[in-house]
């Protein structure tokens, strides 16, 4: 994918087995731990970027999903950027986090949550209307050469990766 690209990734399936944990502390469940590496491997087959950044929500399930993708891409451990605003601050936060990307960055992987990712996809050009399941990836092209001006209207979905569809593949 030439030019700037963004992959908006909903965290993988999380566990609800421990009711004492806060929402921020919920980890991935077994399915999430299986899906994230498979989806990451599929995404790695679609993109080849020498300069990548990863940004994730502070929620444990998003950070764990990010870590599993980072392993697939051989992204240096601890180099991901945690952005507090990705934890339910709204759609603006999801494009605002791109403004801090290095000019050399070719692709940014953004790990976050629903319903915000669904709302964001609904204002892409053209809009994507539909359910974004866990560990779904919206691979988008940025219609700009600079990260600073990134807005939802400058993002075009190139591909949607859904874990269950990989099983059928």
Foldseek 3Di string as FASTA:
>chain_A
DPAAKEKEWEFAAWDPPDVVDDQLETARDPRSVVQLLVLLLVVCVVDDWPAEAEEEESRRSQVVSVVSSCVNVVNDPPRHHYDPCLAPVALVVVLQVLLPDDLRHRYYYYYHHPPRVQVLQCQAVPRDHDDQDHGKIFMWHFQDSHSNPDDRPRIDGPDIDDSVVVVVD
